[in-house]
C-alpha cells in the first residue's frame, strides 16, 4: 500500500459531522475495527471511514453507516471545521480541483501540521549528494594515508561513488519508488483529467473503451461494468480485490503498450480472437500471482479476473465465463505456459521492478508460434466410464458393497477395452479413462460394456450397477503415459451429460465411423463446462 495512504474516521452526532481520528497506512485493520465499534454506539447516528492518499483525486469510502435523514457528508468541510490535526489528510495540501467552489477562509494563528515527504526523484538527488561526499572523503584519505597518485584517488572515488549510490538506492527506495524513477519517467500529477502518455488499450481496441489510466476510480468503474453478481463489491473501492484489480491493470497496460510499440503482433491496431485469449490467460496468471503475494482468498479470485479481462473489450458474459472456468483451460500445455508467464511477470514486476513489456512480448511470441506438438500427436478415441450413483450407494450399503460394485465395473470395462485393442489410461475412482486407436473400436467397446452390464444386472440385481459412457475423437497431448487437452476434456464433459445406461459421443466420433454400422441419434447441442461454444452430442443405441 502507498505509504502516503491514511484513513480518516468521521462521526455524525449531536446534529453534525466531526473528524474523530486519523490512522496511518499500517493501521487499516485498527481503523476498520474502531469504525465498526462506533457504528454500534447508540449515541452516534452515522459513521464514515475514508481512505486517502496523494494518488487519489478524492477520498474513497471503505466503511459507512448512514440513515437517509443524515445531512450530506463533506469530508473536506468537516475536517476544516475540526481544526488543526497532526494526521490531517494529504489532500488539504493540494489546491481545490477545477469546478469545486469553496468560500475563502481567514487564516488562523495556528496552521495545521503537515508531514513532509520527499519525492522519489528528490531522494535520488540526496543519495547522490551523500555518496559523492563519502566517496570524496574516502579518496582523499587514500591519497593522504597511502600516498596514492591522483589517478589512484580518482579510481577509488569512482568505485566508492558507484557502490554507494547503488546500495543507498536499493535500501532507501521502495520497489514502487525505483519503478517511478527508472521506468515510469517523471512523476505525473494526479488530477481528474490526467492519463498516461503513449498508447492505451483504447488506442487499439476494435470497439470504443474508456481509457485505461492510472486513476483507481476509473479502473474500478470499468471493473464495475463487468460485474453483475451480489459479490461485485469486492472489486469496488473498499473491496478486498479493488487494489489488486488496479495493480494488475496498471501492470498489463504498461506491458501491452510495449508490445504495441515494439512489435507487429497487434495487426491493424486490433487484437484478434487468438491473441485476445492469450492475453486473457496472461492476465489471469498475473491476477493469480498478485493474489498469492497478498494472500487473497482464491474463492474470490474469479471476480478479480473477470474485471481485468473485461477491460480488453470482452463481452460481459464471456468475461464471466472465462473467469469462472479459466482453470479448465490450463489442461492445455500452451495455455498453462501463457498463464505461468503472467504469474512470473508480475512477480518480477513486484520484487525487482522489472519492466513487464519484454516479458509479455516473449510470452505472446511463443503463444503465436505453430503448435508442433499437437500437429504430430496421435489421433485417438478417448472414452470415460462412470458408475451412476456410486456415492449414494456407498452411503446406503457401506464401503464393502461399494468396492464390490467398483470391482464388477473394472472387470467388465477392462475386458471390453482389451477386446478392441484399447489402452486403460487411468482409473478415476468411479470410472475408467481409456483410449483407442480407432473410433469404431471405441464404439464397439462402449456397446460391449453396456451389454455386459445389463447381463450382470440380471445375475446380480443386488449390486445395482449402472454406467454412463462418453467418447470423443481427436489429437490429445501424450505425456508420461497420460493424455491431456481438449479431446480429453470433451470426452469427460460428454460423459457427465449422459444418463444411466447411455452412450453419448461428440461430432468427431460420428464423422470417423460409417453411420450404417451404428444406430446414431442426434441429441442437439450442449453447453459443456470449459468450452465457449456449444458442442454437438449424439446418442448411440446399443440394446
Protein backbone atom coordinates (compact mmCIF):
# COMPACT_ATOMS: atom_id res chain seq x y z
CA UNK A 1 0.00 0.00 0.00
CA UNK A 2 1.20 3.55 -0.78
CA UNK A 3 2.99 4.95 2.29
CA UNK A 4 1.12 8.24 1.86
CA UNK A 5 -2.20 6.48 2.46
CA UNK A 6 -4.17 7.46 5.58
CA UNK A 7 -7.56 6.51 6.97
CA UNK A 8 -9.87 9.22 8.36
CA UNK A 9 -12.74 8.37 10.72
CA UNK A 10 -15.79 10.70 10.74
CA UNK A 11 -18.78 10.55 13.12
CA UNK A 12 -22.23 12.17 12.98
CA UNK A 13 -23.56 13.03 16.45
CA UNK A 14 -25.40 15.95 18.02
CA UNK A 15 -26.62 17.06 14.58
CA UNK A 16 -23.24 17.50 12.91
CA UNK A 17 -20.34 15.62 11.31
CA UNK A 18 -16.95 15.67 13.06
CA UNK A 19 -13.50 14.28 12.30
CA UNK A 20 -12.69 11.78 15.07
CA UNK A 21 -9.33 10.22 14.28
CA UNK A 22 -6.65 9.56 11.62
CA UNK A 23 -4.80 6.26 11.09
CA UNK A 24 -1.66 5.67 9.01
CA UNK A 25 -1.31 3.08 6.19
CA UNK A 26 -0.22 0.25 8.50
CA UNK A 27 -3.27 0.57 10.78
CA UNK A 28 -6.08 -0.18 8.33
CA UNK A 29 -7.44 -3.09 10.37
CA UNK A 30 -7.43 -1.00 13.55
CA UNK A 31 -9.30 1.76 11.67
CA UNK A 32 -11.96 -0.67 10.44
CA UNK A 33 -12.36 -2.17 13.90
CA UNK A 34 -12.90 1.24 15.50
CA UNK A 35 -15.36 2.28 12.75
CA UNK A 36 -17.42 -0.85 13.36
CA UNK A 37 -17.30 -0.30 17.11
CA UNK A 38 -18.50 3.31 16.72
CA UNK A 39 -21.34 2.17 14.44
CA UNK A 40 -22.73 0.14 17.37
CA UNK A 41 -22.73 3.17 19.71
CA UNK A 42 -26.33 4.40 20.04
CA UNK A 43 -25.15 7.99 20.57
CA UNK A 44 -23.57 8.02 17.09
CA UNK A 45 -26.03 8.32 14.20
CA UNK A 46 -23.65 7.69 11.27
CA UNK A 47 -20.05 6.60 10.66
CA UNK A 48 -17.72 7.12 7.69
CA UNK A 49 -14.17 5.69 7.23
CA UNK A 50 -12.30 7.17 4.24
CA UNK A 51 -9.05 6.12 2.58
CA UNK A 52 -6.97 9.00 1.22
CA UNK A 53 -3.52 9.43 -0.38
CA UNK A 54 -1.54 11.64 -2.78
CA UNK A 55 -2.51 9.48 -5.79
CA UNK A 56 -6.27 9.66 -5.22
CA UNK A 57 -8.26 12.56 -6.61
CA UNK A 58 -10.86 12.18 -3.88
CA UNK A 59 -11.19 10.10 -0.69
CA UNK A 60 -12.59 6.59 -1.08
CA UNK A 61 -15.16 5.35 1.45
CA UNK A 62 -14.32 1.88 2.78
CA UNK A 63 -16.90 1.76 5.61
CA UNK A 64 -20.11 3.68 6.19
CA UNK A 65 -23.39 3.54 8.10
CA UNK A 66 -25.80 6.39 7.40
CA UNK A 67 -29.56 7.00 7.55
CA UNK A 68 -31.45 8.87 4.89
CA UNK A 69 -32.13 11.80 7.24
CA UNK A 70 -28.43 12.47 7.88
CA UNK A 71 -27.08 15.56 6.05
CA UNK A 72 -24.82 15.03 3.02
CA UNK A 73 -21.27 14.21 4.09
CA UNK A 74 -18.41 16.59 3.08
CA UNK A 75 -15.03 15.30 4.22
CA UNK A 76 -13.11 18.48 3.34
CA UNK A 77 -15.50 20.83 5.16
CA UNK A 78 -15.77 18.52 8.15
CA UNK A 79 -12.02 18.29 8.53
CA UNK A 80 -11.53 22.06 8.29
CA UNK A 81 -14.14 22.68 10.97
CA UNK A 82 -12.38 20.20 13.26
CA UNK A 83 -9.27 22.42 13.36
CA UNK A 84 -5.59 21.59 13.00
CA UNK A 85 -4.62 17.90 13.36
CA UNK A 86 -1.19 16.28 13.02
CA UNK A 87 -2.57 13.47 10.90
CA UNK A 88 -4.63 15.66 8.56
CA UNK A 89 -5.22 14.35 5.03
CA UNK A 90 -2.52 14.99 2.43
CA UNK A 91 -5.22 16.31 0.14
CA UNK A 92 -5.51 19.58 2.11
CA UNK A 93 -2.06 20.46 0.79
CA UNK A 94 -3.37 20.40 -2.79
CA UNK A 95 -5.44 23.12 -4.49
CA UNK A 96 -9.15 22.53 -4.93
CA UNK A 97 -9.96 20.79 -8.25
CA UNK A 98 -11.50 22.77 -11.09
CA UNK A 99 -15.20 23.18 -10.80
CA UNK A 100 -15.31 22.99 -6.99
CA UNK A 101 -16.31 26.28 -5.32
CA UNK A 102 -15.24 26.96 -1.77
CA UNK A 103 -15.58 30.10 0.31
CA UNK A 104 -12.33 31.84 1.25
CA UNK A 105 -11.44 31.41 4.89
CA UNK A 106 -9.50 33.71 7.13
CA UNK A 107 -6.07 32.43 8.18
CA UNK A 108 -5.93 31.18 11.73
CA UNK A 109 -2.96 31.72 14.01
CA UNK A 110 -2.04 28.04 14.14
CA UNK A 111 -1.72 26.31 10.76
CA UNK A 112 -2.38 22.57 10.53
CA UNK A 113 0.76 20.49 10.86
CA UNK A 114 1.60 18.78 7.59
CA UNK A 115 4.01 15.85 7.24
CA UNK A 116 6.95 16.49 4.91
CA UNK A 117 7.74 13.77 2.34
CA UNK A 118 10.47 13.68 -0.30
CA UNK A 119 9.57 12.59 -3.81
CA UNK A 120 11.48 9.59 -5.24
CA UNK A 121 13.49 11.88 -7.53
CA UNK A 122 14.44 14.15 -4.63
CA UNK A 123 15.57 11.10 -2.66
CA UNK A 124 17.82 10.04 -5.55
CA UNK A 125 19.39 13.50 -5.70
CA UNK A 126 20.03 13.40 -1.95
CA UNK A 127 21.51 9.90 -2.23
CA UNK A 128 23.90 11.02 -4.99
CA UNK A 129 24.99 14.05 -2.96
CA UNK A 130 25.71 11.92 0.12
CA UNK A 131 27.53 9.31 -1.98
CA UNK A 132 29.71 12.00 -3.63
CA UNK A 133 30.67 13.39 -0.23
CA UNK A 134 31.53 9.97 1.18
CA UNK A 135 33.47 8.95 -1.96
CA UNK A 136 35.46 12.19 -1.88
CA UNK A 137 36.40 11.64 1.77
CA UNK A 138 37.45 8.03 1.11
CA UNK A 139 39.53 9.01 -1.94
CA UNK A 140 41.21 11.90 -0.08
CA UNK A 141 42.01 9.64 2.85
CA UNK A 142 43.56 7.06 0.49
CA UNK A 143 45.75 9.68 -1.19
CA UNK A 144 46.98 11.18 2.09
CA UNK A 145 47.42 7.97 4.09
CA UNK A 146 48.79 5.62 1.44
CA UNK A 147 50.44 8.13 -0.90
CA UNK A 148 48.28 7.17 -3.89
CA UNK A 149 48.59 9.11 -7.13
CA UNK A 150 45.82 11.35 -8.37
CA UNK A 151 44.79 8.63 -10.82
CA UNK A 152 44.51 6.09 -7.99
CA UNK A 153 42.50 8.50 -5.91
CA UNK A 154 40.14 9.12 -8.83
CA UNK A 155 39.66 5.38 -9.29
CA UNK A 156 38.80 4.96 -5.61
CA UNK A 157 36.40 7.91 -5.83
CA UNK A 158 34.52 6.46 -8.84
CA UNK A 159 34.33 2.94 -7.35
CA UNK A 160 33.14 4.21 -3.96
CA UNK A 161 30.58 6.51 -5.59
CA UNK A 162 29.12 3.72 -7.75
CA UNK A 163 28.90 1.25 -4.88
CA UNK A 164 27.48 3.85 -2.51
CA UNK A 165 24.78 5.06 -4.91
CA UNK A 166 23.73 1.51 -5.73
CA UNK A 167 23.49 0.38 -2.11
CA UNK A 168 21.67 3.52 -0.96
CA UNK A 169 19.12 3.32 -3.80
CA UNK A 170 18.34 -0.32 -3.02
CA UNK A 171 17.94 0.36 0.71
CA UNK A 172 16.39 3.84 0.78
CA UNK A 173 13.90 3.50 -2.10
CA UNK A 174 10.97 1.10 -2.22
CA UNK A 175 10.29 -1.01 -5.31
CA UNK A 176 7.48 1.36 -6.32
CA UNK A 177 9.77 4.40 -5.99
CA UNK A 178 12.53 2.71 -8.03
CA UNK A 179 10.00 1.88 -10.74
CA UNK A 180 8.80 5.50 -10.74
CA UNK A 181 12.34 6.87 -11.18
CA UNK A 182 13.88 4.37 -13.60
CA UNK A 183 10.88 3.06 -15.63
CA UNK A 184 7.88 5.35 -15.46
CA UNK A 185 9.68 8.63 -16.22
CA UNK A 186 8.97 11.83 -14.28
CA UNK A 187 6.01 11.71 -11.88
CA UNK A 188 2.59 12.59 -13.23
CA UNK A 189 0.44 14.92 -11.21
CA UNK A 190 -2.73 13.16 -10.12
CA UNK A 191 -5.64 15.21 -11.45
CA UNK A 192 -9.07 14.23 -12.62
CA UNK A 193 -8.01 14.55 -16.28
CA UNK A 194 -4.51 13.09 -16.05
CA UNK A 195 -3.76 9.98 -18.12
CA UNK A 196 -0.65 8.12 -19.22
CA UNK A 197 1.14 9.32 -22.29
CA UNK A 198 1.65 6.83 -25.08
CA UNK A 199 -0.73 4.10 -26.27
CA UNK A 200 -3.51 2.84 -24.03
CA UNK A 201 -5.93 -0.03 -24.52
CA UNK A 202 -8.42 2.38 -26.04
CA UNK A 203 -5.95 3.10 -28.90
CA UNK A 204 -6.07 -0.39 -30.38
CA UNK A 205 -9.42 -1.90 -29.37
CA UNK A 206 -11.90 -2.75 -32.17
CA UNK A 207 -14.68 -1.03 -30.26
CA UNK A 208 -14.69 2.04 -28.01
CA UNK A 209 -13.35 1.60 -24.48
CA UNK A 210 -12.82 4.00 -21.64
CA UNK A 211 -9.11 4.84 -21.48
CA UNK A 212 -7.18 2.69 -19.03
CA UNK A 213 -5.37 5.25 -16.87
CA UNK A 214 -3.67 5.26 -13.52
CA UNK A 215 -6.64 6.71 -11.64
CA UNK A 216 -8.03 3.86 -9.46
CA UNK A 217 -11.60 5.13 -9.54
CA UNK A 218 -11.68 4.97 -13.38
CA UNK A 219 -10.28 1.43 -13.43
CA UNK A 220 -12.83 0.33 -10.87
CA UNK A 221 -15.60 1.93 -12.90
CA UNK A 222 -14.65 -0.36 -15.80
CA UNK A 223 -14.50 -3.30 -13.41
CA UNK A 224 -17.95 -2.48 -12.02
CA UNK A 225 -19.46 -2.57 -15.51
CA UNK A 226 -18.16 -6.13 -15.95
CA UNK A 227 -19.61 -7.29 -12.60
CA UNK A 228 -23.23 -8.37 -12.22
CA UNK A 229 -23.43 -10.64 -9.17
CA UNK A 230 -24.04 -9.82 -5.50
CA UNK A 231 -20.35 -10.07 -4.56
CA UNK A 232 -19.30 -7.45 -7.15
CA UNK A 233 -18.46 -5.13 -4.25
CA UNK A 234 -15.16 -6.99 -3.95
CA UNK A 235 -13.73 -5.03 -6.92
CA UNK A 236 -15.23 -1.69 -5.89
CA UNK A 237 -13.40 0.90 -3.75
CA UNK A 238 -13.01 -0.54 -0.29
CA UNK A 239 -13.44 -4.11 -1.52
CA UNK A 240 -10.74 -6.67 -0.85
CA UNK A 241 -9.96 -7.02 -4.56
CA UNK A 242 -10.04 -3.35 -5.51
CA UNK A 243 -6.35 -2.59 -5.08
CA UNK A 244 -5.41 -5.86 -6.80
CA UNK A 245 -7.51 -5.02 -9.89
CA UNK A 246 -5.81 -1.62 -10.11
CA UNK A 247 -2.37 -3.17 -9.70
CA UNK A 248 -2.90 -5.88 -12.34
CA UNK A 249 -4.36 -3.45 -14.89
CA UNK A 250 -1.53 -0.93 -14.45
CA UNK A 251 0.96 -3.76 -14.88
CA UNK A 252 -0.79 -5.08 -18.01
CA UNK A 253 -1.26 -1.67 -19.62
CA UNK A 254 2.47 -0.98 -19.33
CA UNK A 255 3.25 -4.43 -20.79
CA UNK A 256 0.80 -4.20 -23.70
CA UNK A 257 1.89 -0.66 -24.58
CA UNK A 258 5.42 -2.02 -25.04
CA UNK A 259 4.14 -4.81 -27.31
CA UNK A 260 2.18 -2.37 -29.48
CA UNK A 261 5.16 -0.03 -29.78
CA UNK A 262 7.96 -2.55 -30.41
CA UNK A 263 6.33 -5.49 -32.22
CA UNK A 264 3.94 -6.17 -35.10
CA UNK A 265 1.81 -8.68 -33.21
CA UNK A 266 -1.18 -6.33 -32.91
CA UNK A 267 -2.16 -6.20 -36.60
CA UNK A 268 -4.12 -3.14 -37.70
CA UNK A 269 -4.29 -1.81 -34.14
CA UNK A 270 -6.65 -4.63 -33.07
CA UNK A 271 -6.48 -7.82 -31.02
CA UNK A 272 -7.71 -10.87 -32.93
CA UNK A 273 -9.53 -13.66 -31.11
CA UNK A 274 -6.49 -15.89 -30.61
CA UNK A 275 -4.29 -13.06 -29.34
CA UNK A 276 -7.07 -11.81 -27.06
CA UNK A 277 -7.45 -15.26 -25.50
CA UNK A 278 -3.69 -15.40 -24.90
CA UNK A 279 -3.88 -12.01 -23.16
CA UNK A 280 -6.78 -13.36 -21.05
CA UNK A 281 -4.58 -16.21 -19.84
CA UNK A 282 -1.66 -13.84 -19.17
CA UNK A 283 -3.95 -11.54 -17.16
CA UNK A 284 -5.37 -14.49 -15.22
CA UNK A 285 -1.85 -15.62 -14.34
CA UNK A 286 -0.93 -12.10 -13.24
CA UNK A 287 -4.03 -11.91 -11.03
CA UNK A 288 -3.19 -15.32 -9.58
CA UNK A 289 0.36 -14.18 -8.79
CA UNK A 290 -0.86 -10.95 -7.21
CA UNK A 291 -3.34 -12.93 -5.11
CA UNK A 292 -0.62 -15.22 -3.79
CA UNK A 293 1.54 -12.23 -2.83
CA UNK A 294 -1.18 -10.72 -0.61
CA UNK A 295 -2.84 -14.00 0.46
CA UNK A 296 -6.05 -13.04 -1.31
CA UNK A 297 -8.75 -15.77 -0.97
CA UNK A 298 -8.82 -17.95 -4.10
CA UNK A 299 -12.59 -18.34 -3.79
CA UNK A 300 -12.91 -14.64 -4.73
CA UNK A 301 -10.24 -14.60 -7.46
CA UNK A 302 -12.67 -15.22 -10.33
CA UNK A 303 -14.34 -11.83 -9.78
CA UNK A 304 -10.96 -10.05 -9.99
CA UNK A 305 -10.06 -11.92 -13.21
CA UNK A 306 -13.48 -11.10 -14.69
CA UNK A 307 -12.97 -7.38 -14.03
CA UNK A 308 -9.48 -7.46 -15.57
CA UNK A 309 -10.32 -9.28 -18.83
CA UNK A 310 -13.41 -7.11 -19.37
CA UNK A 311 -11.12 -4.11 -19.93
CA UNK A 312 -9.88 -5.76 -23.15
CA UNK A 313 -13.33 -5.24 -24.65
CA UNK A 314 -14.56 -8.78 -23.99
CA UNK A 315 -18.33 -9.12 -23.64
CA UNK A 316 -19.52 -9.26 -20.03
CA UNK A 317 -20.93 -12.79 -20.31
CA UNK A 318 -17.73 -14.07 -21.94
CA UNK A 319 -15.58 -12.38 -19.27
CA UNK A 320 -17.63 -14.04 -16.56
CA UNK A 321 -17.46 -17.44 -18.28
CA UNK A 322 -13.68 -17.22 -18.75
CA UNK A 323 -13.11 -16.18 -15.13
CA UNK A 324 -15.30 -19.00 -13.86
CA UNK A 325 -13.69 -21.71 -16.00
CA UNK A 326 -10.13 -20.48 -16.55
CA UNK A 327 -8.65 -23.41 -14.64
CA UNK A 328 -10.28 -25.78 -17.15
CA UNK A 329 -8.24 -24.21 -19.97
CA UNK A 330 -4.98 -24.93 -18.16
CA UNK A 331 -5.16 -28.59 -19.16
CA UNK A 332 -3.58 -27.49 -22.46
CA UNK A 333 0.22 -27.12 -22.15
CA UNK A 334 0.31 -23.94 -24.23
CA UNK A 335 -2.42 -22.36 -22.11
CA UNK A 336 -0.53 -23.31 -18.94
CA UNK A 337 2.64 -21.67 -20.29
CA UNK A 338 0.81 -18.40 -21.01
CA UNK A 339 -0.80 -18.41 -17.56
CA UNK A 340 2.56 -19.11 -15.90
CA UNK A 341 4.18 -16.28 -17.91
CA UNK A 342 1.71 -13.77 -16.46
CA UNK A 343 2.24 -15.05 -12.93
CA UNK A 344 6.04 -14.92 -13.22
CA UNK A 345 6.00 -11.48 -14.88
CA UNK A 346 4.03 -9.77 -12.11
CA UNK A 347 6.28 -11.42 -9.53
CA UNK A 348 9.37 -9.90 -11.20
CA UNK A 349 7.49 -6.61 -11.57
CA UNK A 350 6.89 -6.54 -7.79
CA UNK A 351 10.19 -7.89 -6.44
CA UNK A 352 12.72 -6.47 -8.91
CA UNK A 353 10.76 -3.63 -10.55
CA UNK A 354 11.40 -5.39 -13.87
CA UNK A 355 9.62 -3.87 -16.87
CA UNK A 356 6.75 -6.22 -17.89
CA UNK A 357 6.69 -5.31 -21.61
CA UNK A 358 9.50 -7.62 -22.82
CA UNK A 359 8.09 -10.47 -20.72
CA UNK A 360 4.64 -10.17 -22.35
CA UNK A 361 6.22 -9.86 -25.81
CA UNK A 362 8.19 -13.07 -25.28
CA UNK A 363 5.11 -14.92 -23.99
CA UNK A 364 2.95 -13.78 -26.94
CA UNK A 365 5.67 -14.78 -29.41
CA UNK A 366 5.57 -18.33 -28.02
CA UNK A 367 1.77 -18.22 -27.96
CA UNK A 368 1.56 -17.32 -31.67
CA UNK A 369 4.17 -19.91 -32.73
CA UNK A 370 2.83 -23.04 -34.51
CA UNK A 371 1.96 -25.81 -32.06
CA UNK A 372 4.04 -28.68 -33.44
CA UNK A 373 3.28 -30.98 -30.52
CA UNK A 374 -0.40 -31.11 -31.46
CA UNK A 375 0.29 -31.47 -35.18
CA UNK A 376 2.42 -34.56 -34.51
CA UNK A 377 0.11 -36.06 -31.86
CA UNK A 378 -1.59 -39.39 -32.48
CA UNK A 379 -5.29 -39.32 -33.32
CA UNK A 380 -7.22 -41.49 -30.84
CA UNK A 381 -10.69 -42.01 -29.42
CA UNK A 382 -10.98 -41.20 -25.72
CA UNK A 383 -13.56 -42.92 -23.50
CA UNK A 384 -14.75 -42.17 -19.98
CA UNK A 385 -16.96 -44.51 -17.95
CA UNK A 386 -18.70 -43.51 -14.73
CA UNK A 387 -20.67 -45.52 -12.17
CA UNK A 388 -24.05 -43.82 -11.72
CA UNK A 389 -25.00 -43.04 -8.11
CA UNK A 390 -21.85 -44.51 -6.57
CA UNK A 391 -21.73 -42.04 -3.68
CA UNK A 392 -25.36 -42.69 -2.66
CA UNK A 393 -24.78 -46.43 -3.00
CA UNK A 394 -21.82 -46.23 -0.59
CA UNK A 395 -23.86 -44.26 1.95
CA UNK A 396 -26.73 -46.78 1.79
CA UNK A 397 -24.80 -50.08 1.60
CA UNK A 398 -21.36 -49.37 3.05
CA UNK A 399 -17.78 -49.46 1.80
CA UNK A 400 -17.62 -53.22 1.25
CA UNK A 401 -20.64 -53.26 -1.09
CA UNK A 402 -19.26 -50.17 -2.87
CA UNK A 403 -15.96 -51.93 -3.52
CA UNK A 404 -17.82 -54.93 -4.98
CA UNK A 405 -19.60 -52.52 -7.33
CA UNK A 406 -16.28 -50.98 -8.45
CA UNK A 407 -14.68 -54.39 -8.95
CA UNK A 408 -17.56 -55.53 -11.16
CA UNK A 409 -17.25 -52.33 -13.21
CA UNK A 410 -13.47 -52.75 -13.57
CA UNK A 411 -13.73 -56.34 -14.78
CA UNK A 412 -16.38 -55.57 -17.43
CA UNK A 413 -14.72 -52.40 -18.73
CA UNK A 414 -11.18 -53.79 -18.88
CA UNK A 415 -12.33 -56.88 -20.77
CA UNK A 416 -14.05 -54.72 -23.40
CA UNK A 417 -11.03 -52.38 -23.70
CA UNK A 418 -8.66 -55.28 -24.33
CA UNK A 419 -11.02 -56.82 -26.91
CA UNK A 420 -10.78 -53.65 -29.07
CA UNK A 421 -7.02 -53.04 -28.72
CA UNK A 422 -7.65 -50.18 -26.35
CA UNK A 423 -5.46 -48.89 -23.51
CA UNK A 424 -6.51 -48.06 -19.97
CA UNK A 425 -5.06 -44.63 -19.26
CA UNK A 426 -6.08 -44.35 -15.60
CA UNK A 427 -8.73 -45.21 -13.04
CA UNK A 428 -10.79 -42.21 -11.92
CA UNK A 429 -12.24 -43.70 -8.74
CA UNK A 430 -15.79 -44.18 -10.05
CA UNK A 431 -14.78 -45.00 -13.62
CA UNK A 432 -12.01 -45.58 -16.14
CA UNK A 433 -10.41 -43.38 -18.79
CA UNK A 434 -9.26 -45.32 -21.89
CA UNK A 435 -8.03 -44.63 -25.42
CA UNK A 436 -8.50 -46.50 -28.69
CA UNK A 437 -6.63 -46.23 -32.00
CA UNK A 438 -9.93 -46.13 -33.94
CA UNK A 439 -13.31 -44.53 -33.25
CA UNK A 440 -15.06 -47.70 -34.47
CA UNK A 441 -13.26 -49.83 -31.90
CA UNK A 442 -14.14 -47.37 -29.14
CA UNK A 443 -17.85 -47.51 -30.05
CA UNK A 444 -17.82 -51.29 -30.17
CA UNK A 445 -16.16 -51.37 -26.76
CA UNK A 446 -18.77 -48.96 -25.34
CA UNK A 447 -21.63 -51.07 -26.70
CA UNK A 448 -19.97 -54.23 -25.32
CA UNK A 449 -19.64 -52.60 -21.89
CA UNK A 450 -23.30 -51.60 -21.65
CA UNK A 451 -24.44 -55.02 -22.89
CA UNK A 452 -22.23 -56.78 -20.33
CA UNK A 453 -23.50 -54.50 -17.53
CA UNK A 454 -27.14 -55.36 -18.47
CA UNK A 455 -26.32 -59.07 -18.33
CA UNK A 456 -24.55 -58.63 -14.99
CA UNK A 457 -27.61 -56.88 -13.58
CA UNK A 458 -29.75 -59.90 -14.28
CA UNK A 459 -27.30 -62.13 -12.40
CA UNK A 460 -26.56 -59.68 -9.55
CA UNK A 461 -29.54 -57.33 -9.13
CA UNK A 462 -28.35 -56.57 -5.59
CA UNK A 463 -25.33 -54.62 -6.90
CA UNK A 464 -27.40 -52.13 -8.95
CA UNK A 465 -24.56 -51.46 -11.41
CA UNK A 466 -25.39 -48.74 -13.97
CA UNK A 467 -22.89 -46.87 -16.14
CA UNK A 468 -22.74 -43.74 -18.26
CA UNK A 469 -20.18 -43.53 -21.09
CA UNK A 470 -18.81 -40.57 -23.06
CA UNK A 471 -16.48 -40.58 -26.11
CA UNK A 472 -14.57 -38.04 -28.18
CA UNK A 473 -12.12 -38.31 -31.09
CA UNK A 474 -9.08 -36.12 -31.75
CA UNK A 475 -5.42 -35.47 -31.05
CA UNK A 476 -4.76 -35.17 -27.32
CA UNK A 477 -1.35 -34.42 -25.85
CA UNK A 478 0.57 -37.59 -24.91
CA UNK A 479 2.76 -37.09 -21.86
CA UNK A 480 4.03 -39.56 -19.21
CA UNK A 481 1.55 -42.30 -20.25
CA UNK A 482 -1.31 -39.87 -19.76
CA UNK A 483 -3.49 -37.82 -22.11
CA UNK A 484 -4.27 -34.11 -21.89
CA UNK A 485 -6.08 -31.46 -23.92
CA UNK A 486 -9.48 -30.51 -25.25
CA UNK A 487 -10.19 -34.02 -26.63
CA UNK A 488 -9.89 -35.42 -23.11
CA UNK A 489 -11.96 -32.60 -21.64
CA UNK A 490 -14.69 -33.11 -24.23
CA UNK A 491 -14.99 -36.85 -23.51
CA UNK A 492 -15.22 -36.19 -19.75
CA UNK A 493 -17.87 -33.48 -20.18
CA UNK A 494 -19.94 -35.61 -22.58
CA UNK A 495 -19.79 -38.49 -20.10
CA UNK A 496 -21.11 -36.19 -17.37
CA UNK A 497 -24.09 -35.31 -19.62
CA UNK A 498 -25.07 -38.95 -20.19
CA UNK A 499 -27.79 -40.65 -18.20
CA UNK A 500 -27.80 -44.17 -16.73
CA UNK A 501 -27.17 -46.90 -19.38
CA UNK A 502 -26.40 -44.22 -22.02
CA UNK A 503 -23.57 -43.82 -24.54
CA UNK A 504 -23.02 -40.22 -25.72
CA UNK A 505 -20.38 -39.16 -28.28
CA UNK A 506 -19.11 -35.99 -29.95
CA UNK A 507 -19.40 -34.97 -33.62
CA UNK A 508 -15.84 -36.12 -34.44
CA UNK A 509 -16.67 -39.70 -33.39
CA UNK A 510 -19.71 -39.85 -35.68
CA UNK A 511 -17.73 -38.39 -38.59
CA UNK A 512 -14.99 -41.01 -38.13
CA UNK A 513 -17.26 -44.09 -38.49
CA UNK A 514 -19.71 -45.50 -41.02
CA UNK A 515 -23.17 -44.35 -39.83
CA UNK A 516 -24.71 -47.51 -41.31
CA UNK A 517 -22.84 -49.64 -38.76
CA UNK A 518 -24.25 -47.87 -35.67
CA UNK A 519 -27.62 -46.53 -34.54
CA UNK A 520 -26.80 -42.84 -34.11
CA UNK A 521 -29.37 -40.47 -32.54
CA UNK A 522 -28.74 -36.68 -32.64
CA UNK A 523 -29.21 -35.12 -29.19
CA UNK A 524 -28.74 -31.45 -30.18
CA UNK A 525 -26.15 -29.08 -28.74
CA UNK A 526 -24.94 -29.00 -25.16
CA UNK A 527 -23.24 -26.22 -23.20
CA UNK A 528 -20.29 -28.02 -21.66
CA UNK A 529 -18.12 -26.66 -18.87
CA UNK A 530 -14.78 -25.38 -20.17
CA UNK A 531 -15.99 -24.90 -23.78
CA UNK A 532 -17.01 -21.46 -25.00
CA UNK A 533 -19.13 -22.78 -27.89
CA UNK A 534 -21.99 -25.35 -27.61
CA UNK A 535 -20.97 -28.87 -28.68
CA UNK A 536 -22.98 -31.34 -30.79
CA UNK A 537 -23.83 -34.53 -28.90
CA UNK A 538 -25.09 -37.86 -30.29
CA UNK A 539 -26.53 -40.93 -28.58
CA UNK A 540 -25.57 -44.48 -29.59
CA UNK A 541 -28.29 -47.13 -29.31
CA UNK A 542 -26.90 -50.43 -28.06
CA UNK A 543 -29.81 -52.60 -26.92
